[in-house]
N, C-alpha and C. Protein backbone atom coordinates (compact mmCIF):
# COMPACT_ATOMS: atom_id res chain seq x y z
N MET A 1 -14.57 -6.27 -12.41
CA MET A 1 -14.65 -6.17 -10.97
C MET A 1 -16.12 -6.04 -10.59
N ARG A 2 -16.54 -6.83 -9.65
CA ARG A 2 -17.93 -6.81 -9.22
C ARG A 2 -18.23 -5.54 -8.43
N ALA A 3 -19.51 -5.14 -8.45
CA ALA A 3 -19.91 -3.89 -7.82
C ALA A 3 -19.66 -3.90 -6.31
N GLY A 4 -19.94 -5.01 -5.65
CA GLY A 4 -19.72 -5.10 -4.20
C GLY A 4 -18.26 -4.93 -3.84
N ARG A 5 -17.41 -5.62 -4.59
CA ARG A 5 -15.97 -5.52 -4.32
C ARG A 5 -15.48 -4.11 -4.62
N LEU A 6 -15.94 -3.52 -5.72
CA LEU A 6 -15.54 -2.16 -6.07
C LEU A 6 -15.93 -1.17 -4.98
N ALA A 7 -17.14 -1.30 -4.46
CA ALA A 7 -17.60 -0.39 -3.41
C ALA A 7 -16.78 -0.55 -2.14
N VAL A 8 -16.54 -1.79 -1.73
CA VAL A 8 -15.77 -2.03 -0.50
C VAL A 8 -14.35 -1.50 -0.64
N VAL A 9 -13.71 -1.78 -1.77
CA VAL A 9 -12.34 -1.33 -1.98
C VAL A 9 -12.29 0.19 -2.06
N SER A 10 -13.22 0.80 -2.76
CA SER A 10 -13.22 2.26 -2.89
C SER A 10 -13.37 2.95 -1.54
N VAL A 11 -14.31 2.47 -0.74
CA VAL A 11 -14.51 3.07 0.59
C VAL A 11 -13.27 2.85 1.46
N THR A 12 -12.69 1.66 1.39
CA THR A 12 -11.50 1.37 2.19
C THR A 12 -10.33 2.27 1.79
N VAL A 13 -10.14 2.45 0.50
CA VAL A 13 -9.05 3.31 0.02
C VAL A 13 -9.28 4.76 0.47
N LEU A 14 -10.50 5.23 0.35
CA LEU A 14 -10.79 6.61 0.76
C LEU A 14 -10.59 6.81 2.26
N ILE A 15 -11.01 5.85 3.06
CA ILE A 15 -10.80 5.95 4.51
C ILE A 15 -9.30 5.96 4.82
N ALA A 16 -8.55 5.06 4.18
CA ALA A 16 -7.10 5.01 4.41
C ALA A 16 -6.44 6.32 4.01
N LEU A 17 -6.84 6.88 2.88
CA LEU A 17 -6.26 8.14 2.41
C LEU A 17 -6.56 9.29 3.37
N VAL A 18 -7.79 9.39 3.82
CA VAL A 18 -8.17 10.46 4.74
C VAL A 18 -7.42 10.32 6.06
N LEU A 19 -7.36 9.10 6.59
CA LEU A 19 -6.63 8.89 7.85
C LEU A 19 -5.15 9.20 7.70
N GLN A 20 -4.57 8.76 6.59
CA GLN A 20 -3.14 8.97 6.36
C GLN A 20 -2.81 10.45 6.16
N ALA A 21 -3.68 11.18 5.50
CA ALA A 21 -3.40 12.59 5.20
C ALA A 21 -3.79 13.54 6.33
N SER A 22 -4.77 13.15 7.14
CA SER A 22 -5.25 14.11 8.13
C SER A 22 -5.01 13.69 9.58
N LEU A 23 -5.21 12.43 9.90
CA LEU A 23 -5.12 12.01 11.29
C LEU A 23 -3.70 11.63 11.73
N LEU A 24 -2.94 11.00 10.87
CA LEU A 24 -1.62 10.49 11.26
C LEU A 24 -0.49 11.52 11.31
N PRO A 25 -0.48 12.58 10.51
CA PRO A 25 0.65 13.51 10.54
C PRO A 25 1.04 14.06 11.92
N PRO A 26 0.10 14.37 12.81
CA PRO A 26 0.54 14.84 14.13
C PRO A 26 1.31 13.77 14.93
N PHE A 27 1.13 12.51 14.57
CA PHE A 27 1.81 11.42 15.27
C PHE A 27 3.03 10.91 14.51
N SER A 28 3.49 11.67 13.54
CA SER A 28 4.60 11.22 12.70
C SER A 28 5.92 11.24 13.47
N TRP A 29 6.85 10.46 12.97
CA TRP A 29 8.21 10.47 13.51
C TRP A 29 9.10 11.03 12.41
N ARG A 30 9.59 12.25 12.62
CA ARG A 30 10.40 12.96 11.63
C ARG A 30 9.69 13.05 10.27
N GLY A 31 8.40 13.23 10.33
CA GLY A 31 7.60 13.38 9.11
C GLY A 31 7.19 12.08 8.46
N ILE A 32 7.51 10.95 9.07
CA ILE A 32 7.20 9.64 8.49
C ILE A 32 6.01 9.03 9.22
N VAL A 33 5.00 8.63 8.46
CA VAL A 33 3.82 7.99 9.03
C VAL A 33 3.64 6.62 8.35
N PRO A 34 2.91 5.72 9.00
CA PRO A 34 2.61 4.46 8.33
C PRO A 34 1.81 4.72 7.06
N ASP A 35 2.08 3.97 6.02
CA ASP A 35 1.42 4.15 4.74
C ASP A 35 0.19 3.25 4.67
N LEU A 36 -0.94 3.78 5.14
CA LEU A 36 -2.17 3.00 5.17
C LEU A 36 -2.64 2.62 3.77
N CYS A 37 -2.41 3.50 2.81
CA CYS A 37 -2.82 3.20 1.43
C CYS A 37 -2.03 2.02 0.88
N LEU A 38 -0.74 1.97 1.16
CA LEU A 38 0.08 0.83 0.75
C LEU A 38 -0.44 -0.44 1.40
N LEU A 39 -0.84 -0.37 2.66
CA LEU A 39 -1.34 -1.55 3.36
C LEU A 39 -2.65 -2.05 2.76
N VAL A 40 -3.49 -1.16 2.26
CA VAL A 40 -4.72 -1.56 1.58
C VAL A 40 -4.37 -2.32 0.30
N VAL A 41 -3.37 -1.86 -0.42
CA VAL A 41 -2.94 -2.54 -1.65
C VAL A 41 -2.37 -3.92 -1.32
N VAL A 42 -1.59 -4.01 -0.26
CA VAL A 42 -1.05 -5.31 0.17
C VAL A 42 -2.19 -6.26 0.51
N ALA A 43 -3.18 -5.77 1.24
CA ALA A 43 -4.33 -6.61 1.61
C ALA A 43 -5.09 -7.06 0.36
N ALA A 44 -5.22 -6.18 -0.62
CA ALA A 44 -5.90 -6.55 -1.87
C ALA A 44 -5.14 -7.67 -2.58
N GLY A 45 -3.83 -7.58 -2.58
CA GLY A 45 -3.03 -8.63 -3.22
C GLY A 45 -3.13 -9.94 -2.50
N LEU A 46 -3.14 -9.91 -1.18
CA LEU A 46 -3.23 -11.15 -0.40
C LEU A 46 -4.63 -11.74 -0.45
N ALA A 47 -5.65 -10.90 -0.64
CA ALA A 47 -7.03 -11.39 -0.68
C ALA A 47 -7.40 -11.94 -2.05
N LYS A 48 -6.91 -11.34 -3.11
CA LYS A 48 -7.34 -11.74 -4.45
C LYS A 48 -6.17 -12.23 -5.28
N ASP A 49 -5.61 -11.35 -6.10
CA ASP A 49 -4.48 -11.74 -6.96
C ASP A 49 -3.71 -10.49 -7.38
N ALA A 50 -2.65 -10.71 -8.14
CA ALA A 50 -1.78 -9.60 -8.52
C ALA A 50 -2.50 -8.60 -9.42
N ARG A 51 -3.29 -9.08 -10.35
CA ARG A 51 -3.97 -8.16 -11.28
C ARG A 51 -4.92 -7.23 -10.52
N PHE A 52 -5.71 -7.80 -9.62
CA PHE A 52 -6.63 -7.00 -8.82
C PHE A 52 -5.85 -5.99 -7.97
N ALA A 53 -4.78 -6.45 -7.32
CA ALA A 53 -3.98 -5.56 -6.47
C ALA A 53 -3.30 -4.47 -7.29
N MET A 54 -2.88 -4.77 -8.50
CA MET A 54 -2.26 -3.76 -9.34
C MET A 54 -3.27 -2.68 -9.72
N LEU A 55 -4.51 -3.08 -10.00
CA LEU A 55 -5.56 -2.09 -10.30
C LEU A 55 -5.87 -1.22 -9.08
N VAL A 56 -5.97 -1.87 -7.92
CA VAL A 56 -6.18 -1.11 -6.69
C VAL A 56 -5.00 -0.18 -6.44
N GLY A 57 -3.79 -0.68 -6.66
CA GLY A 57 -2.59 0.14 -6.47
C GLY A 57 -2.55 1.34 -7.39
N PHE A 58 -2.94 1.14 -8.64
CA PHE A 58 -2.94 2.26 -9.58
C PHE A 58 -3.92 3.34 -9.15
N GLY A 59 -5.15 2.93 -8.82
CA GLY A 59 -6.16 3.91 -8.41
C GLY A 59 -5.79 4.61 -7.11
N THR A 60 -5.29 3.82 -6.16
CA THR A 60 -4.88 4.39 -4.88
C THR A 60 -3.70 5.34 -5.07
N GLY A 61 -2.75 4.94 -5.90
CA GLY A 61 -1.59 5.78 -6.16
C GLY A 61 -1.97 7.10 -6.80
N LEU A 62 -2.90 7.06 -7.76
CA LEU A 62 -3.34 8.31 -8.38
C LEU A 62 -4.01 9.24 -7.36
N LEU A 63 -4.82 8.65 -6.48
CA LEU A 63 -5.43 9.48 -5.44
C LEU A 63 -4.37 10.10 -4.54
N LEU A 64 -3.36 9.32 -4.16
CA LEU A 64 -2.27 9.86 -3.34
C LEU A 64 -1.50 10.95 -4.09
N ASP A 65 -1.31 10.75 -5.38
CA ASP A 65 -0.57 11.73 -6.19
C ASP A 65 -1.32 13.06 -6.29
N LEU A 66 -2.65 13.00 -6.26
CA LEU A 66 -3.44 14.21 -6.49
C LEU A 66 -3.98 14.83 -5.20
N ALA A 67 -3.96 14.07 -4.11
CA ALA A 67 -4.53 14.57 -2.84
C ALA A 67 -3.58 15.59 -2.20
N PRO A 68 -4.16 16.66 -1.68
CA PRO A 68 -3.32 17.61 -0.96
C PRO A 68 -2.73 16.95 0.27
N PRO A 69 -1.58 17.24 0.67
CA PRO A 69 -0.64 18.25 0.23
C PRO A 69 0.42 17.71 -0.72
N ALA A 70 0.02 16.99 -1.77
CA ALA A 70 0.97 16.41 -2.72
C ALA A 70 1.89 17.48 -3.29
N ASP A 71 3.18 17.22 -3.21
CA ASP A 71 4.17 18.18 -3.69
C ASP A 71 5.13 17.53 -4.69
N HIS A 72 4.63 16.54 -5.42
CA HIS A 72 5.47 15.78 -6.34
C HIS A 72 4.72 15.57 -7.65
N ALA A 73 5.45 15.09 -8.65
CA ALA A 73 4.85 14.84 -9.96
C ALA A 73 3.82 13.71 -9.85
N ALA A 74 2.68 13.93 -10.50
CA ALA A 74 1.63 12.91 -10.49
C ALA A 74 2.13 11.66 -11.21
N GLY A 75 1.82 10.53 -10.63
CA GLY A 75 2.20 9.26 -11.22
C GLY A 75 3.24 8.50 -10.43
N ARG A 76 3.95 9.19 -9.54
CA ARG A 76 5.00 8.51 -8.78
C ARG A 76 4.41 7.47 -7.82
N TRP A 77 3.40 7.84 -7.07
CA TRP A 77 2.78 6.87 -6.17
C TRP A 77 2.02 5.81 -6.96
N ALA A 78 1.42 6.19 -8.08
CA ALA A 78 0.71 5.20 -8.89
C ALA A 78 1.66 4.10 -9.36
N LEU A 79 2.83 4.48 -9.85
CA LEU A 79 3.82 3.49 -10.27
C LEU A 79 4.27 2.63 -9.09
N ALA A 80 4.56 3.27 -7.98
CA ALA A 80 5.04 2.53 -6.80
C ALA A 80 4.00 1.53 -6.31
N LEU A 81 2.75 1.94 -6.25
CA LEU A 81 1.72 1.04 -5.71
C LEU A 81 1.29 -0.02 -6.71
N VAL A 82 1.45 0.21 -7.99
CA VAL A 82 1.23 -0.87 -8.96
C VAL A 82 2.24 -1.98 -8.72
N LEU A 83 3.49 -1.61 -8.51
CA LEU A 83 4.53 -2.61 -8.24
C LEU A 83 4.28 -3.30 -6.89
N VAL A 84 3.83 -2.56 -5.90
CA VAL A 84 3.47 -3.16 -4.61
C VAL A 84 2.35 -4.18 -4.80
N GLY A 85 1.35 -3.82 -5.60
CA GLY A 85 0.26 -4.75 -5.88
C GLY A 85 0.74 -6.02 -6.55
N PHE A 86 1.69 -5.88 -7.47
CA PHE A 86 2.25 -7.06 -8.13
C PHE A 86 2.98 -7.96 -7.13
N VAL A 87 3.80 -7.35 -6.29
CA VAL A 87 4.56 -8.13 -5.30
C VAL A 87 3.62 -8.81 -4.32
N ALA A 88 2.65 -8.08 -3.79
CA ALA A 88 1.72 -8.65 -2.81
C ALA A 88 0.87 -9.75 -3.45
N GLY A 89 0.39 -9.51 -4.65
CA GLY A 89 -0.41 -10.52 -5.33
C GLY A 89 0.38 -11.76 -5.68
N SER A 90 1.65 -11.58 -5.98
CA SER A 90 2.52 -12.72 -6.28
C SER A 90 2.82 -13.54 -5.03
N ALA A 91 2.74 -12.92 -3.86
CA ALA A 91 3.01 -13.61 -2.60
C ALA A 91 1.77 -14.33 -2.07
N ARG A 92 0.64 -14.12 -2.72
CA ARG A 92 -0.62 -14.71 -2.24
C ARG A 92 -0.56 -16.23 -2.29
N GLN A 93 -1.10 -16.85 -1.27
CA GLN A 93 -1.21 -18.31 -1.20
C GLN A 93 -2.65 -18.66 -0.88
N ASP A 94 -2.95 -19.96 -0.92
CA ASP A 94 -4.32 -20.38 -0.65
C ASP A 94 -4.72 -20.17 0.80
N GLN A 95 -3.74 -20.19 1.69
CA GLN A 95 -4.02 -20.00 3.11
C GLN A 95 -3.43 -18.66 3.55
N PRO A 96 -4.03 -18.06 4.58
CA PRO A 96 -3.45 -16.81 5.10
C PRO A 96 -2.02 -17.06 5.59
N PRO A 97 -1.13 -16.12 5.34
CA PRO A 97 0.26 -16.31 5.78
C PRO A 97 0.39 -16.23 7.30
N ALA A 98 1.41 -16.91 7.82
CA ALA A 98 1.72 -16.80 9.24
C ALA A 98 2.17 -15.37 9.53
N ARG A 99 2.17 -14.99 10.80
CA ARG A 99 2.53 -13.61 11.16
C ARG A 99 3.93 -13.24 10.69
N SER A 100 4.88 -14.19 10.79
CA SER A 100 6.24 -13.88 10.34
C SER A 100 6.29 -13.69 8.83
N SER A 101 5.54 -14.52 8.10
CA SER A 101 5.48 -14.37 6.64
C SER A 101 4.78 -13.07 6.26
N LEU A 102 3.71 -12.76 6.98
CA LEU A 102 2.98 -11.52 6.72
C LEU A 102 3.87 -10.31 6.97
N ALA A 103 4.64 -10.34 8.06
CA ALA A 103 5.57 -9.24 8.35
C ALA A 103 6.59 -9.09 7.24
N ALA A 104 7.10 -10.21 6.73
CA ALA A 104 8.08 -10.16 5.64
C ALA A 104 7.45 -9.60 4.37
N ILE A 105 6.23 -10.03 4.05
CA ILE A 105 5.54 -9.54 2.85
C ILE A 105 5.30 -8.03 2.96
N ILE A 106 4.81 -7.58 4.09
CA ILE A 106 4.56 -6.15 4.29
C ILE A 106 5.86 -5.37 4.20
N GLY A 107 6.91 -5.88 4.83
CA GLY A 107 8.22 -5.20 4.80
C GLY A 107 8.76 -5.08 3.39
N VAL A 108 8.70 -6.17 2.63
CA VAL A 108 9.20 -6.14 1.25
C VAL A 108 8.37 -5.16 0.41
N CYS A 109 7.04 -5.23 0.56
CA CYS A 109 6.18 -4.32 -0.20
C CYS A 109 6.44 -2.86 0.16
N SER A 110 6.65 -2.60 1.44
CA SER A 110 6.94 -1.23 1.86
C SER A 110 8.26 -0.74 1.30
N VAL A 111 9.27 -1.59 1.33
CA VAL A 111 10.58 -1.20 0.78
C VAL A 111 10.48 -0.98 -0.73
N VAL A 112 9.76 -1.87 -1.42
CA VAL A 112 9.59 -1.71 -2.87
C VAL A 112 8.88 -0.40 -3.18
N GLY A 113 7.73 -0.17 -2.53
CA GLY A 113 6.97 1.05 -2.79
C GLY A 113 7.73 2.32 -2.43
N GLY A 114 8.32 2.32 -1.25
CA GLY A 114 9.09 3.50 -0.83
C GLY A 114 10.30 3.76 -1.70
N SER A 115 10.97 2.68 -2.11
CA SER A 115 12.16 2.83 -2.95
C SER A 115 11.81 3.37 -4.33
N VAL A 116 10.74 2.84 -4.91
CA VAL A 116 10.32 3.33 -6.24
C VAL A 116 9.94 4.80 -6.15
N PHE A 117 9.18 5.15 -5.11
CA PHE A 117 8.80 6.56 -4.95
C PHE A 117 10.03 7.44 -4.76
N ALA A 118 10.96 7.00 -3.92
CA ALA A 118 12.17 7.80 -3.65
C ALA A 118 13.06 7.89 -4.88
N LEU A 119 13.23 6.79 -5.59
CA LEU A 119 14.09 6.81 -6.78
C LEU A 119 13.51 7.67 -7.90
N THR A 120 12.20 7.62 -8.07
CA THR A 120 11.61 8.48 -9.11
C THR A 120 11.76 9.95 -8.71
N GLY A 121 11.69 10.23 -7.41
CA GLY A 121 11.92 11.61 -6.95
C GLY A 121 13.35 12.06 -7.21
N LEU A 122 14.30 11.16 -6.98
CA LEU A 122 15.70 11.50 -7.27
C LEU A 122 15.92 11.71 -8.77
N LEU A 123 15.33 10.84 -9.59
CA LEU A 123 15.49 10.97 -11.04
C LEU A 123 14.86 12.24 -11.58
N LEU A 124 13.75 12.65 -10.98
CA LEU A 124 13.07 13.86 -11.44
C LEU A 124 13.58 15.13 -10.77
N GLY A 125 14.54 14.97 -9.87
CA GLY A 125 15.10 16.13 -9.18
C GLY A 125 14.18 16.74 -8.15
N GLU A 126 13.22 15.97 -7.65
CA GLU A 126 12.27 16.48 -6.68
C GLU A 126 12.68 16.21 -5.24
N SER A 127 13.72 15.41 -5.03
CA SER A 127 14.13 15.05 -3.68
C SER A 127 15.42 15.76 -3.30
N THR A 128 15.47 16.25 -2.09
CA THR A 128 16.68 16.90 -1.59
C THR A 128 17.43 16.00 -0.61
N LEU A 129 16.90 14.81 -0.35
CA LEU A 129 17.51 13.92 0.64
C LEU A 129 18.74 13.19 0.13
N GLY A 130 18.79 12.91 -1.14
CA GLY A 130 19.87 12.09 -1.67
C GLY A 130 19.59 10.62 -1.42
N VAL A 131 20.48 9.77 -1.89
CA VAL A 131 20.27 8.32 -1.79
C VAL A 131 20.30 7.87 -0.33
N THR A 132 21.28 8.32 0.44
CA THR A 132 21.42 7.88 1.82
C THR A 132 20.22 8.33 2.67
N GLY A 133 19.81 9.56 2.53
CA GLY A 133 18.65 10.05 3.27
C GLY A 133 17.38 9.34 2.88
N SER A 134 17.23 9.07 1.59
CA SER A 134 16.04 8.35 1.12
C SER A 134 16.01 6.94 1.66
N LEU A 135 17.17 6.30 1.71
CA LEU A 135 17.23 4.94 2.24
C LEU A 135 16.80 4.90 3.71
N GLY A 136 17.23 5.87 4.48
CA GLY A 136 16.83 5.94 5.88
C GLY A 136 15.33 6.10 6.03
N VAL A 137 14.73 6.96 5.22
CA VAL A 137 13.28 7.17 5.26
C VAL A 137 12.55 5.90 4.88
N VAL A 138 13.02 5.22 3.83
CA VAL A 138 12.38 3.99 3.36
C VAL A 138 12.42 2.92 4.45
N LEU A 139 13.53 2.79 5.13
CA LEU A 139 13.66 1.75 6.16
C LEU A 139 12.81 2.06 7.39
N VAL A 140 12.77 3.31 7.82
CA VAL A 140 11.92 3.69 8.96
C VAL A 140 10.45 3.48 8.59
N ALA A 141 10.08 3.89 7.38
CA ALA A 141 8.70 3.69 6.93
C ALA A 141 8.35 2.21 6.88
N ALA A 142 9.29 1.37 6.46
CA ALA A 142 9.03 -0.07 6.41
C ALA A 142 8.75 -0.64 7.79
N VAL A 143 9.52 -0.20 8.78
CA VAL A 143 9.30 -0.67 10.15
C VAL A 143 7.91 -0.24 10.63
N LEU A 144 7.55 1.01 10.40
CA LEU A 144 6.22 1.50 10.81
C LEU A 144 5.12 0.73 10.08
N ASP A 145 5.32 0.49 8.79
CA ASP A 145 4.31 -0.23 8.00
C ASP A 145 4.13 -1.66 8.50
N VAL A 146 5.22 -2.32 8.87
CA VAL A 146 5.12 -3.69 9.38
C VAL A 146 4.35 -3.70 10.70
N VAL A 147 4.68 -2.80 11.60
CA VAL A 147 4.02 -2.76 12.91
C VAL A 147 2.52 -2.52 12.74
N VAL A 148 2.16 -1.51 11.97
CA VAL A 148 0.74 -1.20 11.77
C VAL A 148 0.09 -2.25 10.87
N GLY A 149 0.82 -2.73 9.88
CA GLY A 149 0.28 -3.71 8.94
C GLY A 149 -0.12 -5.02 9.58
N LEU A 150 0.62 -5.44 10.60
CA LEU A 150 0.25 -6.68 11.29
C LEU A 150 -1.11 -6.57 11.98
N LEU A 151 -1.51 -5.35 12.29
CA LEU A 151 -2.82 -5.12 12.89
C LEU A 151 -3.91 -4.87 11.85
N VAL A 152 -3.55 -4.22 10.75
CA VAL A 152 -4.53 -3.75 9.78
C VAL A 152 -4.77 -4.72 8.62
N VAL A 153 -3.74 -5.37 8.13
CA VAL A 153 -3.88 -6.18 6.92
C VAL A 153 -4.78 -7.41 7.10
N PRO A 154 -4.65 -8.21 8.17
CA PRO A 154 -5.54 -9.38 8.28
C PRO A 154 -7.04 -9.05 8.25
N PRO A 155 -7.51 -8.02 8.98
CA PRO A 155 -8.94 -7.71 8.87
C PRO A 155 -9.33 -7.21 7.47
N LEU A 156 -8.42 -6.50 6.80
CA LEU A 156 -8.72 -6.04 5.44
C LEU A 156 -8.81 -7.21 4.47
N VAL A 157 -7.94 -8.19 4.62
CA VAL A 157 -8.00 -9.38 3.77
C VAL A 157 -9.34 -10.08 3.95
N ARG A 158 -9.77 -10.24 5.19
CA ARG A 158 -11.08 -10.87 5.45
C ARG A 158 -12.21 -10.04 4.85
N LEU A 159 -12.12 -8.72 4.98
CA LEU A 159 -13.15 -7.83 4.41
C LEU A 159 -13.22 -7.99 2.90
N PHE A 160 -12.07 -7.99 2.23
CA PHE A 160 -12.06 -8.13 0.77
C PHE A 160 -12.54 -9.51 0.34
N ASP A 161 -12.23 -10.54 1.12
CA ASP A 161 -12.72 -11.89 0.81
C ASP A 161 -14.24 -11.95 0.92
N ARG A 162 -14.79 -11.32 1.94
CA ARG A 162 -16.25 -11.33 2.13
C ARG A 162 -16.96 -10.50 1.08
N ALA A 163 -16.30 -9.47 0.58
CA ALA A 163 -16.93 -8.59 -0.41
C ALA A 163 -17.16 -9.30 -1.73
N ASP A 164 -16.35 -10.29 -2.02
CA ASP A 164 -16.46 -11.00 -3.29
C ASP A 164 -16.08 -12.47 -3.09
N PRO A 165 -16.96 -13.25 -2.47
CA PRO A 165 -16.61 -14.63 -2.21
C PRO A 165 -16.42 -15.42 -3.50
N VAL A 166 -15.52 -16.38 -3.43
CA VAL A 166 -15.27 -17.24 -4.58
C VAL A 166 -16.42 -18.22 -4.69
N PRO A 167 -17.08 -18.28 -5.87
CA PRO A 167 -18.21 -19.21 -6.01
C PRO A 167 -17.73 -20.65 -5.92
N VAL A 168 -18.55 -21.49 -5.26
CA VAL A 168 -18.21 -22.89 -5.11
C VAL A 168 -18.69 -23.64 -6.34
N ALA A 169 -17.79 -24.44 -6.94
CA ALA A 169 -18.14 -25.21 -8.14
C ALA A 169 -19.13 -26.32 -7.77
N ALA A 170 -20.14 -26.49 -8.59
CA ALA A 170 -21.15 -27.52 -8.31
C ALA A 170 -20.75 -28.85 -8.88
């Protein structure tokens, strides 16, 4: 990973984490806020490729797992966001997706990430919601992620593209 891209991605992830953990909770709906960190991983996948997005997802997930007020086993968000990075990177095309395609990609990534996080919580006995309650949270979070993602992901994709332009073959 080039130094410029690493710096841009690191700063973007830290800003998303701080905003998600400190600024958004007062505006939550039943404790659910848009997952800005997940949206950064989606943007990384759409800007570069699955491998890059999976690395960003792993690092971002570990930060989410360790950042206060984390109340779950470390590694759950890392696993979820690695899979989100794979899905987003696999959806990448040569041209930016249309808004409807982008909404679908963000929605699928949000459902995948939220479901993996919820299922690992159920398997580890850390969740009191049960399957039905977790499904409701995942779906509401997906709607919030799509709404915010349609505003946030396109500028992030352009930012990541500019941070590491593809060299033109001579």
